[in-house]
Amino acid sequence: MSPDSSAVKPAIQNLQTIYSDSESLAPVNNCYRFWVANRPFDADTSPDLFIRHTCLAMLCRLMAYRFLEPRPTDRVLWEVMSGDYFAGAGLSNFLGEDFFSWPFFRLSMGIGDDAFSLETAKSLMGALELLHLDQPDVELLSSLYQEFQGADGKPCPQLDLSIFEGNPSQTCIGPYCGDGNSLSRMVRAALDARLTAGQIPPDALLEVSGQFIGMTSDPLGANLASVAFLVALGEEVIEPHPPILIPVYMAHGINLPTERKDGDGSSIYIIDSAGGATLPERVATDPLYLDWLFGRLPNYLRGAALRLRAQPEDVAVQEVLNAWYNYLTSPKARTPIPDPLTPEAADVMVEAARILILQYVGGSGPGPLHLVRNAPAPLFASKRSFDMLLWPAEIARDDDLRSICAARFLGDDGQIVAA
């Protein structure tokens, strides 16, 4: 499955053709621009590497789909690529539209056809079937992560996983989790320890999914780490289960959103990277509210785009915002967030939606919404006191950064676990 293999190389060539045909279009160009903005300052930002990363992101979605679906079919490939399939499987924040979705929203945005992109996805799906990759190993994911970036392979990080024996409920945060190799192995160890202790699988799944948080500022790394986390949950996540979060976020571990105080003294958080979209404290500090509400905003974004075909922009946007406000302030029985937002918090969310809608109809693509759904992770993680801080070898010597993270995320008796 390497980039130069007979299975993957044609897919990359197809994506190069699609990109060449559409790179001047605003949604596609903006996906590339957001990817560049989230790369390290000295990293390769060539379109060729962006296309390779897009291909591996496609593979991530397909591997996750094959893991969850015992009899996969190419009839739902568009839903797999958009993330709708995973939301329907009870994983509402898992691999939704992001910087790598550009080959698959051309039709919905009125800028082209998705057929060639779907044929490319079908070819990759066929390759996975031939290789019987129904459950991608975490080492395979790490290897692909290195190869698609043109980097040399790295040895598997060493971890003492016995720390969960006798105490499987310890919480852990990996603010720089990279490709998720170490984090996912800790997840598996904690889940195994819970099952060994006699906890029934559905309860073990729900509790372990809330026991960890992973963050990485690398867009591709976030894709790999999400799949690694999912696979670590094993057969328990394949069976029917209540909705859960896969708590891996594309965010820099210590970058908190800008905070300002509202007139009543409550906090409002500003996502500068998403055009200054604002979040009320209730949403920014609770991953359930963040996921549930912004997971439904794409319907309103698309609704505004459709209304623009028949209405002036100000009228179309305002009508969508009115519907959004009504949704925010209504009770939501049988959901993870049954209580409505206060009118004050809803007003802040309406302004966030206004900013995101105007960017969307202006050709931003899904990038701003993806940033809003991920950037608050360091904030809501800082409201908890974790038992363990997972610290990667590649930044082990950065004592200042490690001290900041330890002070922000660890409880009084917390410990740093070095990988």
Protein backbone atom coordinates (compact mmCIF):
# COMPACT_ATOMS: atom_id res chain seq x y z
CA MET A 1 0.00 0.00 0.00
CA SER A 2 2.99 2.32 -0.35
CA PRO A 3 2.66 5.38 -2.62
CA ASP A 4 4.64 3.70 -5.41
CA SER A 5 2.78 0.39 -5.28
CA SER A 6 0.69 -0.85 -8.19
CA ALA A 7 -2.42 -0.47 -6.03
CA VAL A 8 -1.89 3.12 -4.92
CA LYS A 9 0.17 4.84 -7.60
CA PRO A 10 -2.72 4.94 -10.14
CA ALA A 11 -4.98 6.46 -7.47
CA ILE A 12 -2.45 9.21 -6.81
CA GLN A 13 -2.21 9.87 -10.55
CA ASN A 14 -6.01 10.13 -10.74
CA LEU A 15 -6.03 12.61 -7.88
CA GLN A 16 -3.32 14.63 -9.61
CA THR A 17 -5.55 14.85 -12.68
CA ILE A 18 -8.56 15.92 -10.61
CA TYR A 19 -6.49 18.50 -8.76
CA SER A 20 -5.00 19.93 -11.96
CA ASP A 21 -8.50 20.33 -13.38
CA SER A 22 -9.90 22.08 -10.32
CA GLU A 23 -7.08 23.72 -8.33
CA SER A 24 -8.15 27.19 -9.48
CA LEU A 25 -11.63 26.71 -8.03
CA ALA A 26 -12.05 28.35 -4.63
CA PRO A 27 -13.18 25.34 -2.54
CA VAL A 28 -10.31 23.16 -3.80
CA ASN A 29 -7.73 25.91 -3.52
CA ASN A 30 -8.89 26.70 0.00
CA CYS A 31 -8.52 23.07 1.09
CA TYR A 32 -4.91 23.25 -0.06
CA ARG A 33 -4.44 26.62 1.65
CA PHE A 34 -5.78 25.33 4.98
CA TRP A 35 -3.51 22.29 4.73
CA VAL A 36 -0.49 24.53 4.13
CA ALA A 37 -1.42 26.74 7.09
CA ASN A 38 -1.46 23.72 9.39
CA ARG A 39 1.90 22.31 8.27
CA PRO A 40 5.09 22.98 10.29
CA PHE A 41 6.77 26.20 9.16
CA ASP A 42 9.73 24.37 7.59
CA ALA A 43 7.77 21.46 6.09
CA ASP A 44 7.16 20.56 2.45
CA THR A 45 3.97 22.26 1.26
CA SER A 46 4.01 21.21 -2.38
CA PRO A 47 0.74 20.30 -4.12
CA ASP A 48 2.22 16.88 -4.89
CA LEU A 49 2.57 16.11 -1.18
CA PHE A 50 -0.93 17.46 -0.55
CA ILE A 51 -2.26 15.01 -3.13
CA ARG A 52 -0.36 12.12 -1.53
CA HIS A 53 -1.79 13.05 1.85
CA THR A 54 -5.26 13.18 0.29
CA CYS A 55 -4.76 9.65 -1.02
CA LEU A 56 -3.77 8.32 2.40
CA ALA A 57 -6.73 10.13 3.96
CA MET A 58 -8.95 8.27 1.46
CA LEU A 59 -7.30 5.01 2.48
CA CYS A 60 -7.94 5.84 6.14
CA ARG A 61 -11.66 6.19 5.49
CA LEU A 62 -11.76 3.00 3.45
CA MET A 63 -9.83 0.99 6.05
CA ALA A 64 -12.16 2.26 8.78
CA TYR A 65 -15.19 1.35 6.65
CA ARG A 66 -13.90 -2.18 6.01
CA PHE A 67 -13.18 -2.57 9.72
CA LEU A 68 -16.74 -1.60 10.68
CA GLU A 69 -18.62 -3.26 7.84
CA PRO A 70 -18.31 -7.06 7.47
CA ARG A 71 -19.76 -6.95 3.94
CA PRO A 72 -18.55 -3.67 2.44
CA THR A 73 -20.08 -2.36 -0.76
CA ASP A 74 -19.05 0.47 -3.04
CA ARG A 75 -22.63 1.77 -3.08
CA VAL A 76 -21.99 3.89 0.02
CA LEU A 77 -18.55 5.19 -0.89
CA TRP A 78 -19.70 8.79 -1.13
CA GLU A 79 -21.13 8.56 2.41
CA VAL A 80 -17.84 7.03 3.60
CA MET A 81 -15.83 9.87 2.09
CA SER A 82 -18.12 12.59 3.48
CA GLY A 83 -18.25 11.01 6.93
CA ASP A 84 -22.02 10.47 6.83
CA TYR A 85 -21.54 6.69 6.99
CA PHE A 86 -19.56 6.93 10.23
CA ALA A 87 -22.09 9.29 11.79
CA GLY A 88 -24.75 6.70 11.02
CA ALA A 89 -22.60 4.08 12.74
CA GLY A 90 -22.63 6.06 15.99
CA LEU A 91 -19.29 7.83 15.42
CA SER A 92 -20.49 11.33 14.72
CA ASN A 93 -17.14 13.13 14.93
CA PHE A 94 -15.13 10.50 13.05
CA LEU A 95 -13.44 11.51 9.78
CA GLY A 96 -15.96 14.07 8.60
CA GLU A 97 -15.27 16.52 5.80
CA ASP A 98 -11.86 18.14 6.18
CA PHE A 99 -8.96 19.53 4.13
CA PHE A 100 -8.71 16.23 2.22
CA SER A 101 -12.36 16.08 1.11
CA TRP A 102 -11.87 18.21 -1.99
CA PRO A 103 -12.27 15.38 -4.57
CA PHE A 104 -15.71 14.53 -3.16
CA PHE A 105 -17.59 17.79 -2.83
CA ARG A 106 -17.23 19.01 -6.39
CA LEU A 107 -20.76 17.94 -7.32
CA SER A 108 -22.41 19.25 -4.13
CA MET A 109 -20.68 22.61 -4.57
CA GLY A 110 -21.54 22.86 -8.23
CA ILE A 111 -17.93 22.83 -9.43
CA GLY A 112 -17.74 19.50 -11.22
CA ASP A 113 -18.46 15.79 -11.09
CA ASP A 114 -17.49 13.31 -8.37
CA ALA A 115 -17.59 10.22 -10.62
CA PHE A 116 -13.84 10.04 -11.32
CA SER A 117 -13.10 10.48 -7.62
CA LEU A 118 -15.48 7.68 -6.72
CA GLU A 119 -13.87 5.39 -9.30
CA THR A 120 -10.53 6.14 -7.64
CA ALA A 121 -11.98 5.20 -4.26
CA LYS A 122 -13.38 1.97 -5.73
CA SER A 123 -9.94 1.00 -7.02
CA LEU A 124 -8.42 1.51 -3.58
CA MET A 125 -11.25 -0.47 -2.02
CA GLY A 126 -10.49 -3.33 -4.38
CA ALA A 127 -6.84 -3.27 -3.35
CA LEU A 128 -7.80 -3.47 0.33
CA GLU A 129 -10.04 -6.46 -0.42
CA LEU A 130 -7.21 -8.30 -2.18
CA LEU A 131 -4.94 -7.72 0.80
CA HIS A 132 -7.66 -8.74 3.29
CA LEU A 133 -7.10 -5.57 5.29
CA ASP A 134 -10.20 -5.88 7.44
CA GLN A 135 -8.43 -4.72 10.60
CA PRO A 136 -5.44 -2.47 9.91
CA ASP A 137 -2.65 -2.99 12.40
CA VAL A 138 -1.39 0.11 14.20
CA GLU A 139 2.11 -0.60 12.93
CA LEU A 140 0.81 -0.65 9.35
CA LEU A 141 -0.84 2.73 9.90
CA SER A 142 2.39 4.18 11.29
CA SER A 143 4.37 2.76 8.38
CA LEU A 144 1.99 4.27 5.83
CA TYR A 145 2.12 7.60 7.66
CA GLN A 146 5.90 7.69 7.25
CA GLU A 147 5.94 6.44 3.65
CA PHE A 148 3.33 8.88 2.37
CA GLN A 149 5.35 11.73 3.83
CA GLY A 150 8.56 10.46 2.24
CA ALA A 151 10.11 9.95 5.68
CA ASP A 152 12.24 7.11 6.96
CA GLY A 153 10.51 4.52 9.09
CA LYS A 154 10.71 4.81 12.86
CA PRO A 155 10.84 2.00 15.42
CA CYS A 156 7.69 1.31 17.39
CA PRO A 157 7.63 3.47 20.54
CA GLN A 158 8.20 1.48 23.72
CA LEU A 159 5.43 1.68 26.32
CA ASP A 160 4.76 0.05 29.66
CA LEU A 161 1.16 -1.06 29.15
CA SER A 162 1.02 -2.92 32.45
CA ILE A 163 0.06 0.38 34.09
CA PHE A 164 -3.60 -0.45 33.43
CA GLU A 165 -3.51 -3.81 35.18
CA GLY A 166 -5.54 -3.49 38.35
CA ASN A 167 -6.50 0.10 37.51
CA PRO A 168 -8.02 0.17 34.02
CA SER A 169 -9.91 3.44 34.55
CA GLN A 170 -6.87 5.73 34.58
CA THR A 171 -7.34 8.68 32.24
CA CYS A 172 -4.72 9.78 29.75
CA ILE A 173 -4.12 12.69 27.38
CA GLY A 174 -1.73 12.76 24.45
CA PRO A 175 -1.49 16.44 23.42
CA TYR A 176 1.07 15.51 20.73
CA CYS A 177 -0.12 12.05 19.76
CA GLY A 178 1.27 12.05 16.20
CA ASP A 179 -0.12 9.13 14.21
CA GLY A 180 -1.79 7.69 17.31
CA ASN A 181 0.47 4.63 17.62
CA SER A 182 1.18 4.96 21.35
CA LEU A 183 -2.23 6.37 22.25
CA SER A 184 -4.14 3.56 20.52
CA ARG A 185 -2.06 0.86 22.21
CA MET A 186 -2.89 2.42 25.58
CA VAL A 187 -6.57 2.45 24.61
CA ARG A 188 -6.44 -1.25 23.77
CA ALA A 189 -4.62 -2.07 27.00
CA ALA A 190 -7.20 -0.18 29.07
CA LEU A 191 -10.09 -1.86 27.26
CA ASP A 192 -8.56 -5.33 27.72
CA ALA A 193 -8.02 -4.62 31.41
CA ARG A 194 -11.66 -3.59 31.81
CA LEU A 195 -12.90 -6.73 30.06
CA THR A 196 -10.55 -8.93 32.09
CA ALA A 197 -11.94 -7.36 35.26
CA GLY A 198 -15.41 -8.50 34.20
CA GLN A 199 -16.92 -5.30 32.79
CA ILE A 200 -19.48 -5.98 30.08
CA PRO A 201 -18.32 -4.90 26.58
CA PRO A 202 -20.86 -2.08 25.95
CA ASP A 203 -20.02 -0.41 29.25
CA ALA A 204 -16.30 -0.88 28.68
CA LEU A 205 -16.59 0.72 25.23
CA LEU A 206 -18.47 3.76 26.48
CA GLU A 207 -16.15 4.37 29.39
CA VAL A 208 -12.85 3.83 27.61
CA SER A 209 -13.88 6.17 24.77
CA GLY A 210 -14.20 8.94 27.36
CA GLN A 211 -11.01 7.99 29.16
CA PHE A 212 -8.55 9.34 26.57
CA ILE A 213 -7.99 12.46 24.49
CA GLY A 214 -5.49 12.75 21.66
CA MET A 215 -4.41 15.86 19.78
CA THR A 216 -2.10 16.53 16.87
CA SER A 217 -1.69 19.66 14.79
CA ASP A 218 -0.92 17.58 11.69
CA PRO A 219 -4.03 17.15 9.47
CA LEU A 220 -2.89 13.77 8.13
CA GLY A 221 -1.76 12.59 11.55
CA ALA A 222 -5.24 13.29 12.92
CA ASN A 223 -6.72 10.98 10.27
CA LEU A 224 -4.31 8.15 11.10
CA ALA A 225 -4.69 8.60 14.85
CA SER A 226 -8.49 8.51 14.56
CA VAL A 227 -8.39 5.21 12.67
CA ALA A 228 -5.84 3.77 15.12
CA PHE A 229 -8.10 4.74 18.04
CA LEU A 230 -11.13 3.20 16.33
CA VAL A 231 -9.36 -0.09 15.61
CA ALA A 232 -8.10 -0.22 19.20
CA LEU A 233 -11.73 -0.42 20.32
CA GLY A 234 -11.94 -3.80 18.59
CA GLU A 235 -15.07 -5.86 18.09
CA GLU A 236 -16.90 -3.86 20.74
CA VAL A 237 -17.24 -0.86 18.42
CA ILE A 238 -18.40 -3.01 15.49
CA GLU A 239 -21.44 -4.19 17.42
CA PRO A 240 -24.44 -1.82 17.74
CA HIS A 241 -23.74 0.76 20.43
CA PRO A 242 -24.91 4.21 21.57
CA PRO A 243 -23.18 7.16 19.87
CA ILE A 244 -19.63 7.73 21.08
CA LEU A 245 -16.91 10.24 20.32
CA ILE A 246 -13.57 9.18 18.89
CA PRO A 247 -11.62 11.74 20.95
CA VAL A 248 -8.82 12.58 18.52
CA TYR A 249 -8.61 16.23 17.47
CA MET A 250 -6.59 18.22 14.97
CA ALA A 251 -5.31 20.82 17.41
CA HIS A 252 -2.02 22.08 18.82
CA GLY A 253 -1.79 20.81 22.37
CA ILE A 254 -1.20 24.16 24.09
CA ASN A 255 -2.98 26.62 21.79
CA LEU A 256 -6.13 27.76 23.58
CA PRO A 257 -8.79 29.74 21.69
CA THR A 258 -8.77 33.48 22.32
CA GLU A 259 -11.08 34.35 25.22
CA ARG A 260 -13.13 37.46 25.78
CA LYS A 261 -15.76 38.30 28.36
CA ASP A 262 -19.35 39.00 27.37
CA GLY A 263 -21.41 41.72 29.00
CA ASP A 264 -22.78 39.30 31.61
CA GLY A 265 -19.30 38.07 32.52
CA SER A 266 -19.52 34.77 30.66
CA SER A 267 -16.67 33.71 28.40
CA ILE A 268 -16.76 33.73 24.61
CA TYR A 269 -14.04 31.90 22.70
CA ILE A 270 -12.82 32.99 19.29
CA ILE A 271 -11.45 30.57 16.70
CA ASP A 272 -9.12 32.95 14.86
CA SER A 273 -8.08 30.32 12.30
CA ALA A 274 -11.73 29.98 11.19
CA GLY A 275 -12.35 33.63 10.42
CA GLY A 276 -13.05 34.62 14.01
CA ALA A 277 -15.99 32.28 14.59
CA THR A 278 -17.22 32.63 18.18
CA LEU A 279 -18.27 29.94 20.65
CA PRO A 280 -20.11 30.36 23.95
CA GLU A 281 -18.48 28.79 26.98
CA ARG A 282 -21.16 26.07 27.18
CA VAL A 283 -20.22 24.78 23.74
CA ALA A 284 -16.47 25.42 23.71
CA THR A 285 -15.89 23.54 26.96
CA ASP A 286 -18.12 20.53 26.30
CA PRO A 287 -17.15 18.13 23.48
CA LEU A 288 -20.69 16.71 23.36
CA TYR A 289 -22.25 20.10 22.64
CA LEU A 290 -19.46 20.97 20.24
CA ASP A 291 -19.84 17.75 18.28
CA TRP A 292 -23.63 17.54 18.24
CA LEU A 293 -24.36 21.13 17.26
CA PHE A 294 -21.62 21.63 14.70
CA GLY A 295 -22.25 18.16 13.34
CA ARG A 296 -25.61 19.49 12.17
CA LEU A 297 -24.42 22.82 10.84
CA PRO A 298 -23.47 21.42 7.37
CA ASN A 299 -27.18 21.07 6.64
CA TYR A 300 -27.58 24.80 7.25
CA LEU A 301 -24.50 25.63 5.17
CA ARG A 302 -25.87 23.69 2.23
CA GLY A 303 -29.31 25.18 2.81
CA ALA A 304 -27.90 28.68 2.50
CA ALA A 305 -26.10 27.77 -0.72
CA LEU A 306 -29.35 26.43 -2.20
CA ARG A 307 -31.34 29.50 -1.16
CA LEU A 308 -28.83 31.76 -2.89
CA ARG A 309 -30.07 30.42 -6.21
CA ALA A 310 -33.40 32.17 -5.65
CA GLN A 311 -32.83 34.80 -2.95
CA PRO A 312 -30.46 37.70 -2.26
CA GLU A 313 -27.57 36.76 -0.01
CA ASP A 314 -28.70 38.74 3.03
CA VAL A 315 -32.20 37.23 2.89
CA ALA A 316 -30.98 33.67 2.31
CA VAL A 317 -28.43 33.83 5.12
CA GLN A 318 -30.82 35.42 7.61
CA GLU A 319 -33.55 32.83 7.01
CA VAL A 320 -31.07 30.02 7.62
CA LEU A 321 -29.80 31.74 10.76
CA ASN A 322 -33.36 32.07 12.06
CA ALA A 323 -33.84 28.32 11.67
CA TRP A 324 -30.47 27.69 13.36
CA TYR A 325 -31.43 29.87 16.33
CA ASN A 326 -34.72 28.02 16.73
CA TYR A 327 -32.88 24.70 16.73
CA LEU A 328 -30.34 25.87 19.30
CA THR A 329 -32.99 27.11 21.73
CA SER A 330 -35.27 24.07 21.42
CA PRO A 331 -35.12 21.01 23.73
CA LYS A 332 -33.47 17.98 22.12
CA ALA A 333 -34.97 14.92 23.76
CA ARG A 334 -33.19 11.57 23.25
CA THR A 335 -29.92 13.27 22.28
CA PRO A 336 -26.65 13.66 24.22
CA ILE A 337 -27.56 17.34 24.78
CA PRO A 338 -31.26 17.47 25.76
CA ASP A 339 -31.09 20.96 27.29
CA PRO A 340 -31.42 23.96 24.93
CA LEU A 341 -28.88 26.75 24.87
CA THR A 342 -29.75 29.99 26.61
CA PRO A 343 -30.75 32.85 24.29
CA GLU A 344 -27.41 34.54 25.05
CA ALA A 345 -25.39 31.46 24.11
CA ALA A 346 -27.55 30.92 21.03
CA ASP A 347 -26.83 34.49 19.90
CA VAL A 348 -23.11 33.74 20.01
CA MET A 349 -23.64 30.54 18.03
CA VAL A 350 -25.69 32.44 15.45
CA GLU A 351 -22.76 34.78 14.88
CA ALA A 352 -20.47 31.76 14.49
CA ALA A 353 -22.86 30.31 11.93
CA ARG A 354 -23.04 33.63 10.08
CA ILE A 355 -19.24 33.68 9.72
CA LEU A 356 -19.12 30.04 8.61
CA ILE A 357 -22.02 30.39 6.16
CA LEU A 358 -20.54 33.46 4.50
CA GLN A 359 -17.21 31.67 4.14
CA TYR A 360 -18.91 28.56 2.78
CA VAL A 361 -20.98 30.31 0.12
CA GLY A 362 -17.83 32.26 -0.75
CA GLY A 363 -16.04 29.03 -1.60
CA SER A 364 -14.17 28.17 1.60
CA GLY A 365 -14.96 24.47 1.45
CA PRO A 366 -15.24 22.53 4.73
CA GLY A 367 -12.00 23.89 6.23
CA PRO A 368 -13.39 26.57 8.60
CA LEU A 369 -16.01 24.25 10.10
CA HIS A 370 -13.38 21.52 10.52
CA LEU A 371 -11.21 23.97 12.46
CA VAL A 372 -14.10 25.08 14.68
CA ARG A 373 -14.90 21.46 15.57
CA ASN A 374 -11.28 20.74 16.56
CA ALA A 375 -9.62 23.92 17.87
CA PRO A 376 -11.38 23.92 21.28
CA ALA A 377 -9.87 20.53 22.25
CA PRO A 378 -7.03 21.98 24.39
CA LEU A 379 -9.61 24.13 26.18
CA PHE A 380 -12.07 21.43 27.18
CA ALA A 381 -9.20 19.04 27.94
CA SER A 382 -7.77 21.61 30.35
CA LYS A 383 -11.02 21.48 32.35
CA ARG A 384 -10.20 17.88 33.33
CA SER A 385 -7.43 16.48 35.52
CA PHE A 386 -5.84 13.50 33.79
CA ASP A 387 -3.97 10.69 35.50
CA MET A 388 -1.38 10.39 32.74
CA LEU A 389 0.29 12.62 30.15
CA LEU A 390 1.55 10.64 27.17
CA TRP A 391 4.77 12.25 25.96
CA PRO A 392 6.37 11.29 22.61
CA ALA A 393 10.06 10.60 22.15
CA GLU A 394 10.51 13.15 19.34
CA ILE A 395 9.87 16.06 21.70
CA ALA A 396 11.00 14.39 24.92
CA ARG A 397 13.72 17.00 25.49
CA ASP A 398 11.41 20.00 25.24
CA ASP A 399 11.20 20.55 28.98
CA ASP A 400 9.32 23.85 28.74
CA LEU A 401 6.55 22.42 26.57
CA ARG A 402 6.28 19.32 28.75
CA SER A 403 6.03 21.46 31.89
CA ILE A 404 3.24 23.58 30.37
CA CYS A 405 1.26 20.48 29.39
CA ALA A 406 1.79 18.82 32.76
CA ALA A 407 0.57 21.90 34.60
CA ARG A 408 -2.44 22.29 32.32
CA PHE A 409 -3.65 18.71 32.00
CA LEU A 410 -2.41 16.57 34.92
CA GLY A 411 -4.05 16.15 38.29
CA ASP A 412 -2.11 16.48 41.53
CA ASP A 413 -0.96 12.86 41.44
CA GLY A 414 -0.66 12.64 37.66
CA GLN A 415 2.36 11.15 35.94
CA ILE A 416 4.16 11.60 32.64
CA VAL A 417 4.34 8.44 30.55
CA ALA A 418 7.20 8.55 28.05
CA ALA A 419 6.94 6.76 24.72
